């Protein structure tokens, strides 16, 4: 039985956009050690602290990971560990 593993790494740039003071989230996802997805997005809300900005980025990465996990399990027909 083959073991598949999905990792997610997230980071945020607090108030990265100078005009709007919105933070920028970055998420990368690795499937068995290989990069399979990456995105950089502006957060919809204005974070009042760097901790809040990092939390929003972490939640975004977690939701994307759960979705990708479900897709991979459907395609592979096997369980994927997150």
PDB file of N, CA and C in Angstrom:
ATOM      1  N   UNK A   1       0.833  -1.179   0.000  1.00  0.00           N
ATOM      2  CA  UNK A   1       0.000   0.000   0.000  1.00  0.00           C
ATOM      3  C   UNK A   1       0.883   1.250   0.000  1.00  0.00           C
ATOM      4  N   UNK A   2       0.603   2.138  -0.901  1.00  0.00           N
ATOM      5  CA  UNK A   2       1.376   3.371  -1.046  1.00  0.00           C
ATOM      6  C   UNK A   2       0.815   4.421  -0.084  1.00  0.00           C
ATOM      7  N   UNK A   3       1.712   5.150   0.585  1.00  0.00           N
ATOM      8  CA  UNK A   3       1.288   6.220   1.482  1.00  0.00           C
ATOM      9  C   UNK A   3       1.498   7.563   0.796  1.00  0.00           C
ATOM     10  N   UNK A   4       0.429   8.322   0.666  1.00  0.00           N
ATOM     11  CA  UNK A   4       0.494   9.662   0.087  1.00  0.00           C
ATOM     12  C   UNK A   4       0.400  10.682   1.212  1.00  0.00           C
ATOM     13  N   UNK A   5       1.139  11.769   1.069  1.00  0.00           N
ATOM     14  CA  UNK A   5       1.137  12.795   2.108  1.00  0.00           C
ATOM     15  C   UNK A   5       1.003  14.173   1.461  1.00  0.00           C
ATOM     16  N   UNK A   6       0.138  14.998   2.031  1.00  0.00           N
ATOM     17  CA  UNK A   6      -0.113  16.347   1.534  1.00  0.00           C
ATOM     18  C   UNK A   6       0.280  17.355   2.610  1.00  0.00           C
ATOM     19  N   UNK A   7       1.165  18.297   2.268  1.00  0.00           N
ATOM     20  CA  UNK A   7       1.615  19.348   3.195  1.00  0.00           C
ATOM     21  C   UNK A   7       1.188  20.701   2.671  1.00  0.00           C
ATOM     22  N   UNK A   8       0.911  21.607   3.589  1.00  0.00           N
ATOM     23  CA  UNK A   8       0.531  22.971   3.231  1.00  0.00           C
ATOM     24  C   UNK A   8       1.382  23.947   4.035  1.00  0.00           C
ATOM     25  N   UNK A   9       1.942  24.947   3.345  1.00  0.00           N
ATOM     26  CA  UNK A   9       2.754  25.983   3.987  1.00  0.00           C
ATOM     27  C   UNK A   9       2.132  27.331   3.658  1.00  0.00           C
ATOM     28  N   UNK A  10       1.919  28.150   4.697  1.00  0.00           N
ATOM     29  CA  UNK A  10       1.294  29.455   4.461  1.00  0.00           C
ATOM     30  C   UNK A  10       2.098  30.564   5.134  1.00  0.00           C
ATOM     31  N   UNK A  11       1.959  31.768   4.599  1.00  0.00           N
ATOM     32  CA  UNK A  11       2.626  32.946   5.153  1.00  0.00           C
ATOM     33  C   UNK A  11       1.795  34.167   4.783  1.00  0.00           C
ATOM     34  N   UNK A  12       2.007  35.258   5.505  1.00  0.00           N
ATOM     35  CA  UNK A  12       1.269  36.477   5.221  1.00  0.00           C
ATOM     36  C   UNK A  12       2.192  37.684   5.347  1.00  0.00           C
ATOM     37  N   UNK A  13       1.913  38.689   4.551  1.00  0.00           N
ATOM     38  CA  UNK A  13       2.619  39.960   4.592  1.00  0.00           C
ATOM     39  C   UNK A  13       1.638  40.977   5.171  1.00  0.00           C
ATOM     40  N   UNK A  14       1.806  41.324   6.447  1.00  0.00           N
ATOM     41  CA  UNK A  14       0.859  42.183   7.142  1.00  0.00           C
ATOM     42  C   UNK A  14       0.848  43.574   6.522  1.00  0.00           C
ATOM     43  N   UNK A  15      -0.331  44.025   6.098  1.00  0.00           N
ATOM     44  CA  UNK A  15      -0.547  45.341   5.490  1.00  0.00           C
ATOM     45  C   UNK A  15       0.401  45.555   4.308  1.00  0.00           C
ATOM     46  N   UNK A  16       0.528  44.545   3.466  1.00  0.00           N
ATOM     47  CA  UNK A  16       1.451  44.598   2.337  1.00  0.00           C
ATOM     48  C   UNK A  16       1.070  45.606   1.261  1.00  0.00           C
ATOM     49  N   UNK A  17      -0.216  45.869   1.098  1.00  0.00           N
ATOM     50  CA  UNK A  17      -0.645  46.873   0.122  1.00  0.00           C
ATOM     51  C   UNK A  17      -0.738  48.228   0.828  1.00  0.00           C
ATOM     52  N   UNK A  18       0.066  49.159   0.416  1.00  0.00           N
ATOM     53  CA  UNK A  18       0.148  50.444   1.116  1.00  0.00           C
ATOM     54  C   UNK A  18      -1.113  51.293   0.997  1.00  0.00           C
ATOM     55  N   UNK A  19      -1.799  51.255  -0.135  1.00  0.00           N
ATOM     56  CA  UNK A  19      -2.986  52.090  -0.315  1.00  0.00           C
ATOM     57  C   UNK A  19      -4.163  51.591   0.518  1.00  0.00           C
ATOM     58  N   UNK A  20      -4.404  50.287   0.527  1.00  0.00           N
ATOM     59  CA  UNK A  20      -5.582  49.730   1.210  1.00  0.00           C
ATOM     60  C   UNK A  20      -5.250  49.146   2.578  1.00  0.00           C
ATOM     61  N   UNK A  21      -3.965  48.947   2.895  1.00  0.00           N
ATOM     62  CA  UNK A  21      -3.496  48.341   4.149  1.00  0.00           C
ATOM     63  C   UNK A  21      -3.965  46.894   4.306  1.00  0.00           C
ATOM     64  N   UNK A  22      -4.267  46.242   3.197  1.00  0.00           N
ATOM     65  CA  UNK A  22      -4.663  44.836   3.255  1.00  0.00           C
ATOM     66  C   UNK A  22      -3.431  43.947   3.215  1.00  0.00           C
ATOM     67  N   UNK A  23      -3.550  42.801   3.845  1.00  0.00           N
ATOM     68  CA  UNK A  23      -2.454  41.844   3.894  1.00  0.00           C
ATOM     69  C   UNK A  23      -2.496  40.930   2.676  1.00  0.00           C
ATOM     70  N   UNK A  24      -1.370  40.306   2.397  1.00  0.00           N
ATOM     71  CA  UNK A  24      -1.247  39.392   1.266  1.00  0.00           C
ATOM     72  C   UNK A  24      -0.923  38.004   1.812  1.00  0.00           C
ATOM     73  N   UNK A  25      -1.722  36.999   1.436  1.00  0.00           N
ATOM     74  CA  UNK A  25      -1.525  35.615   1.869  1.00  0.00           C
ATOM     75  C   UNK A  25      -0.839  34.818   0.767  1.00  0.00           C
ATOM     76  N   UNK A  26       0.014  33.905   1.189  1.00  0.00           N
ATOM     77  CA  UNK A  26       0.695  33.011   0.261  1.00  0.00           C
ATOM     78  C   UNK A  26       0.558  31.586   0.792  1.00  0.00           C
ATOM     79  N   UNK A  27       0.160  30.659  -0.077  1.00  0.00           N
ATOM     80  CA  UNK A  27      -0.001  29.258   0.316  1.00  0.00           C
ATOM     81  C   UNK A  27       0.643  28.376  -0.749  1.00  0.00           C
ATOM     82  N   UNK A  28       1.449  27.411  -0.303  1.00  0.00           N
ATOM     83  CA  UNK A  28       2.039  26.413  -1.191  1.00  0.00           C
ATOM     84  C   UNK A  28       1.645  25.042  -0.670  1.00  0.00           C
ATOM     85  N   UNK A  29       1.297  24.128  -1.594  1.00  0.00           N
ATOM     86  CA  UNK A  29       0.909  22.774  -1.222  1.00  0.00           C
ATOM     87  C   UNK A  29       1.820  21.760  -1.904  1.00  0.00           C
ATOM     88  N   UNK A  30       2.280  20.810  -1.106  1.00  0.00           N
ATOM     89  CA  UNK A  30       3.203  19.785  -1.572  1.00  0.00           C
ATOM     90  C   UNK A  30       2.540  18.425  -1.436  1.00  0.00           C
ATOM     91  N   UNK A  31       2.567  17.649  -2.514  1.00  0.00           N
ATOM     92  CA  UNK A  31       2.029  16.294  -2.518  1.00  0.00           C
ATOM     93  C   UNK A  31       3.190  15.331  -2.629  1.00  0.00           C
ATOM     94  N   UNK A  32       3.429  14.558  -1.570  1.00  0.00           N
ATOM     95  CA  UNK A  32       4.567  13.617  -1.487  1.00  0.00           C
ATOM     96  C   UNK A  32       5.882  14.307  -1.814  1.00  0.00           C
ATOM     97  N   UNK A  33       6.053  15.532  -1.327  1.00  0.00           N
ATOM     98  CA  UNK A  33       7.310  16.274  -1.481  1.00  0.00           C
ATOM     99  C   UNK A  33       7.414  17.136  -2.723  1.00  0.00           C
ATOM    100  N   UNK A  34       6.451  17.060  -3.616  1.00  0.00           N
ATOM    101  CA  UNK A  34       6.492  17.856  -4.849  1.00  0.00           C
ATOM    102  C   UNK A  34       5.449  18.970  -4.802  1.00  0.00           C
ATOM    103  N   UNK A  35       5.846  20.166  -5.226  1.00  0.00           N
ATOM    104  CA  UNK A  35       4.938  21.297  -5.256  1.00  0.00           C
ATOM    105  C   UNK A  35       3.854  21.059  -6.304  1.00  0.00           C
ATOM    106  N   UNK A  36       2.591  21.109  -5.872  1.00  0.00           N
ATOM    107  CA  UNK A  36       1.481  20.888  -6.793  1.00  0.00           C
ATOM    108  C   UNK A  36       0.588  22.108  -6.936  1.00  0.00           C
ATOM    109  N   UNK A  37       0.612  23.009  -5.958  1.00  0.00           N
ATOM    110  CA  UNK A  37      -0.244  24.192  -6.033  1.00  0.00           C
ATOM    111  C   UNK A  37       0.388  25.324  -5.232  1.00  0.00           C
ATOM    112  N   UNK A  38       0.184  26.532  -5.730  1.00  0.00           N
ATOM    113  CA  UNK A  38       0.694  27.716  -5.048  1.00  0.00           C
ATOM    114  C   UNK A  38      -0.194  28.888  -5.419  1.00  0.00           C
ATOM    115  N   UNK A  39      -0.532  29.705  -4.442  1.00  0.00           N
ATOM    116  CA  UNK A  39      -1.298  30.903  -4.767  1.00  0.00           C
ATOM    117  C   UNK A  39      -0.953  32.042  -3.803  1.00  0.00           C
ATOM    118  N   UNK A  40      -1.081  33.237  -4.330  1.00  0.00           N
ATOM    119  CA  UNK A  40      -0.882  34.457  -3.560  1.00  0.00           C
ATOM    120  C   UNK A  40      -2.132  35.296  -3.755  1.00  0.00           C
ATOM    121  N   UNK A  41      -2.757  35.675  -2.638  1.00  0.00           N
ATOM    122  CA  UNK A  41      -4.015  36.426  -2.710  1.00  0.00           C
ATOM    123  C   UNK A  41      -4.010  37.575  -1.710  1.00  0.00           C
ATOM    124  N   UNK A  42      -4.741  38.620  -2.052  1.00  0.00           N
ATOM    125  CA  UNK A  42      -4.969  39.715  -1.120  1.00  0.00           C
ATOM    126  C   UNK A  42      -6.112  39.311  -0.199  1.00  0.00           C
ATOM    127  N   UNK A  43      -5.918  39.506   1.102  1.00  0.00           N
ATOM    128  CA  UNK A  43      -6.964  39.158   2.062  1.00  0.00           C
ATOM    129  C   UNK A  43      -8.131  40.131   1.940  1.00  0.00           C
ATOM    130  N   UNK A  44      -9.340  39.630   2.122  1.00  0.00           N
ATOM    131  CA  UNK A  44     -10.540  40.463   1.974  1.00  0.00           C
ATOM    132  C   UNK A  44     -10.712  41.441   3.130  1.00  0.00           C
ATOM    133  N   UNK A  45     -10.273  41.054   4.319  1.00  0.00           N
ATOM    134  CA  UNK A  45     -10.419  41.923   5.479  1.00  0.00           C
ATOM    135  C   UNK A  45      -9.095  42.641   5.776  1.00  0.00           C
ATOM    136  N   UNK A  46      -9.176  43.716   6.533  1.00  0.00           N
ATOM    137  CA  UNK A  46      -7.983  44.453   6.945  1.00  0.00           C
ATOM    138  C   UNK A  46      -7.603  43.961   8.335  1.00  0.00           C
ATOM    139  N   UNK A  47      -6.458  43.298   8.458  1.00  0.00           N
ATOM    140  CA  UNK A  47      -6.012  42.734   9.730  1.00  0.00           C
ATOM    141  C   UNK A  47      -5.459  43.843  10.623  1.00  0.00           C
ATOM    142  N   UNK A  48      -5.795  43.787  11.901  1.00  0.00           N
ATOM    143  CA  UNK A  48      -5.330  44.792  12.854  1.00  0.00           C
ATOM    144  C   UNK A  48      -4.005  44.417  13.498  1.00  0.00           C
ATOM    145  N   UNK A  49      -3.546  43.177  13.275  1.00  0.00           N
ATOM    146  CA  UNK A  49      -2.254  42.753  13.813  1.00  0.00           C
ATOM    147  C   UNK A  49      -1.637  41.722  12.877  1.00  0.00           C
ATOM    148  N   UNK A  50      -0.340  41.502  13.060  1.00  0.00           N
ATOM    149  CA  UNK A  50       0.330  40.499  12.227  1.00  0.00           C
ATOM    150  C   UNK A  50      -0.169  39.098  12.567  1.00  0.00           C
ATOM    151  N   UNK A  51      -0.532  38.861  13.825  1.00  0.00           N
ATOM    152  CA  UNK A  51      -1.077  37.563  14.226  1.00  0.00           C
ATOM    153  C   UNK A  51      -2.391  37.264  13.541  1.00  0.00           C
ATOM    154  N   UNK A  52      -3.248  38.273  13.440  1.00  0.00           N
ATOM    155  CA  UNK A  52      -4.531  38.099  12.752  1.00  0.00           C
ATOM    156  C   UNK A  52      -4.306  37.819  11.271  1.00  0.00           C
ATOM    157  N   UNK A  53      -3.355  38.503  10.683  1.00  0.00           N
ATOM    158  CA  UNK A  53      -3.035  38.294   9.275  1.00  0.00           C
ATOM    159  C   UNK A  53      -2.517  36.876   9.031  1.00  0.00           C
ATOM    160  N   UNK A  54      -1.640  36.390   9.902  1.00  0.00           N
ATOM    161  CA  UNK A  54      -1.111  35.029   9.787  1.00  0.00           C
ATOM    162  C   UNK A  54      -2.215  33.999   9.985  1.00  0.00           C
ATOM    163  N   UNK A  55      -3.150  34.260  10.911  1.00  0.00           N
ATOM    164  CA  UNK A  55      -4.260  33.339  11.162  1.00  0.00           C
ATOM    165  C   UNK A  55      -5.147  33.212   9.932  1.00  0.00           C
ATOM    166  N   UNK A  56      -5.454  34.334   9.294  1.00  0.00           N
ATOM    167  CA  UNK A  56      -6.284  34.311   8.083  1.00  0.00           C
ATOM    168  C   UNK A  56      -5.585  33.506   6.981  1.00  0.00           C
ATOM    169  N   UNK A  57      -4.269  33.682   6.839  1.00  0.00           N
ATOM    170  CA  UNK A  57      -3.504  32.927   5.842  1.00  0.00           C
ATOM    171  C   UNK A  57      -3.508  31.433   6.162  1.00  0.00           C
ATOM    172  N   UNK A  58      -3.390  31.090   7.459  1.00  0.00           N
ATOM    173  CA  UNK A  58      -3.378  29.689   7.866  1.00  0.00           C
ATOM    174  C   UNK A  58      -4.727  29.014   7.579  1.00  0.00           C
ATOM    175  N   UNK A  59      -5.811  29.705   7.867  1.00  0.00           N
ATOM    176  CA  UNK A  59      -7.145  29.152   7.602  1.00  0.00           C
ATOM    177  C   UNK A  59      -7.352  28.966   6.098  1.00  0.00           C
ATOM    178  N   UNK A  60      -6.884  29.920   5.310  1.00  0.00           N
ATOM    179  CA  UNK A  60      -6.985  29.801   3.856  1.00  0.00           C
ATOM    180  C   UNK A  60      -6.218  28.573   3.357  1.00  0.00           C
ATOM    181  N   UNK A  61      -5.009  28.379   3.873  1.00  0.00           N
ATOM    182  CA  UNK A  61      -4.216  27.219   3.484  1.00  0.00           C
ATOM    183  C   UNK A  61      -4.850  25.908   3.906  1.00  0.00           C
ATOM    184  N   UNK A  62      -5.457  25.890   5.087  1.00  0.00           N
ATOM    185  CA  UNK A  62      -6.099  24.666   5.578  1.00  0.00           C
ATOM    186  C   UNK A  62      -7.315  24.295   4.733  1.00  0.00           C
ATOM    187  N   UNK A  63      -8.126  25.280   4.378  1.00  0.00           N
ATOM    188  CA  UNK A  63      -9.311  24.972   3.565  1.00  0.00           C
ATOM    189  C   UNK A  63      -8.918  24.505   2.166  1.00  0.00           C
ATOM    190  N   UNK A  64      -7.886  25.130   1.594  1.00  0.00           N
ATOM    191  CA  UNK A  64      -7.408  24.685   0.276  1.00  0.00           C
ATOM    192  C   UNK A  64      -6.849  23.264   0.353  1.00  0.00           C
ATOM    193  N   UNK A  65      -6.169  22.931   1.454  1.00  0.00           N
ATOM    194  CA  UNK A  65      -5.602  21.592   1.627  1.00  0.00           C
ATOM    195  C   UNK A  65      -6.686  20.526   1.725  1.00  0.00           C
ATOM    196  N   UNK A  66      -7.755  20.817   2.474  1.00  0.00           N
ATOM    197  CA  UNK A  66      -8.852  19.861   2.604  1.00  0.00           C
ATOM    198  C   UNK A  66      -9.506  19.615   1.242  1.00  0.00           C
ATOM    199  N   UNK A  67      -9.688  20.685   0.484  1.00  0.00           N
ATOM    200  CA  UNK A  67     -10.279  20.531  -0.854  1.00  0.00           C
ATOM    201  C   UNK A  67      -9.373  19.702  -1.767  1.00  0.00           C
ATOM    202  N   UNK A  68      -8.076  20.019  -1.777  1.00  0.00           N
ATOM    203  CA  UNK A  68      -7.134  19.274  -2.618  1.00  0.00           C
ATOM    204  C   UNK A  68      -7.040  17.825  -2.170  1.00  0.00           C
ATOM    205  N   UNK A  69      -7.081  17.579  -0.863  1.00  0.00           N
ATOM    206  CA  UNK A  69      -7.062  16.207  -0.333  1.00  0.00           C
ATOM    207  C   UNK A  69      -8.251  15.413  -0.856  1.00  0.00           C
ATOM    208  N   UNK A  70      -9.446  15.996  -0.803  1.00  0.00           N
ATOM    209  CA  UNK A  70     -10.634  15.312  -1.303  1.00  0.00           C
ATOM    210  C   UNK A  70     -10.527  15.017  -2.803  1.00  0.00           C
ATOM    211  N   UNK A  71     -10.010  15.968  -3.557  1.00  0.00           N
ATOM    212  CA  UNK A  71      -9.836  15.766  -5.003  1.00  0.00           C
ATOM    213  C   UNK A  71      -8.844  14.646  -5.290  1.00  0.00           C
ATOM    214  N   UNK A  72      -7.710  14.639  -4.582  1.00  0.00           N
ATOM    215  CA  UNK A  72      -6.689  13.609  -4.798  1.00  0.00           C
ATOM    216  C   UNK A  72      -7.194  12.227  -4.395  1.00  0.00           C
ATOM    217  N   UNK A  73      -7.937  12.150  -3.291  1.00  0.00           N
ATOM    218  CA  UNK A  73      -8.492  10.859  -2.893  1.00  0.00           C
ATOM    219  C   UNK A  73      -9.484  10.339  -3.927  1.00  0.00           C
ATOM    220  N   UNK A  74     -10.261  11.217  -4.530  1.00  0.00           N
ATOM    221  CA  UNK A  74     -11.198  10.812  -5.564  1.00  0.00           C
ATOM    222  C   UNK A  74     -10.455  10.291  -6.797  1.00  0.00           C
ATOM    223  N   UNK A  75      -9.394  11.005  -7.203  1.00  0.00           N
ATOM    224  CA  UNK A  75      -8.636  10.629  -8.397  1.00  0.00           C
ATOM    225  C   UNK A  75      -7.843   9.343  -8.167  1.00  0.00           C
ATOM    226  N   UNK A  76      -7.150   9.261  -7.024  1.00  0.00           N
ATOM    227  CA  UNK A  76      -6.264   8.123  -6.761  1.00  0.00           C
ATOM    228  C   UNK A  76      -7.013   6.901  -6.238  1.00  0.00           C
ATOM    229  N   UNK A  77      -8.178   7.101  -5.624  1.00  0.00           N
ATOM    230  CA  UNK A  77      -8.901   5.977  -5.040  1.00  0.00           C
ATOM    231  C   UNK A  77      -8.228   5.435  -3.804  1.00  0.00           C
ATOM    232  N   UNK A  78      -7.389   6.231  -3.141  1.00  0.00           N
ATOM    233  CA  UNK A  78      -6.659   5.817  -1.961  1.00  0.00           C
ATOM    234  C   UNK A  78      -6.637   6.972  -0.959  1.00  0.00           C
ATOM    235  N   UNK A  79      -6.323   6.668   0.288  1.00  0.00           N
ATOM    236  CA  UNK A  79      -6.319   7.677   1.331  1.00  0.00           C
ATOM    237  C   UNK A  79      -5.077   8.573   1.247  1.00  0.00           C
ATOM    238  N   UNK A  80      -5.273   9.876   1.471  1.00  0.00           N
ATOM    239  CA  UNK A  80      -4.182  10.854   1.482  1.00  0.00           C
ATOM    240  C   UNK A  80      -4.093  11.453   2.879  1.00  0.00           C
ATOM    241  N   UNK A  81      -2.923  11.381   3.504  1.00  0.00           N
ATOM    242  CA  UNK A  81      -2.719  11.955   4.844  1.00  0.00           C
ATOM    243  C   UNK A  81      -2.370  13.421   4.728  1.00  0.00           C
ATOM    244  N   UNK A  82      -2.957  14.226   5.620  1.00  0.00           N
ATOM    245  CA  UNK A  82      -2.667  15.663   5.634  1.00  0.00           C
ATOM    246  C   UNK A  82      -1.810  15.966   6.833  1.00  0.00           C
TER     247      UNK A  82
END
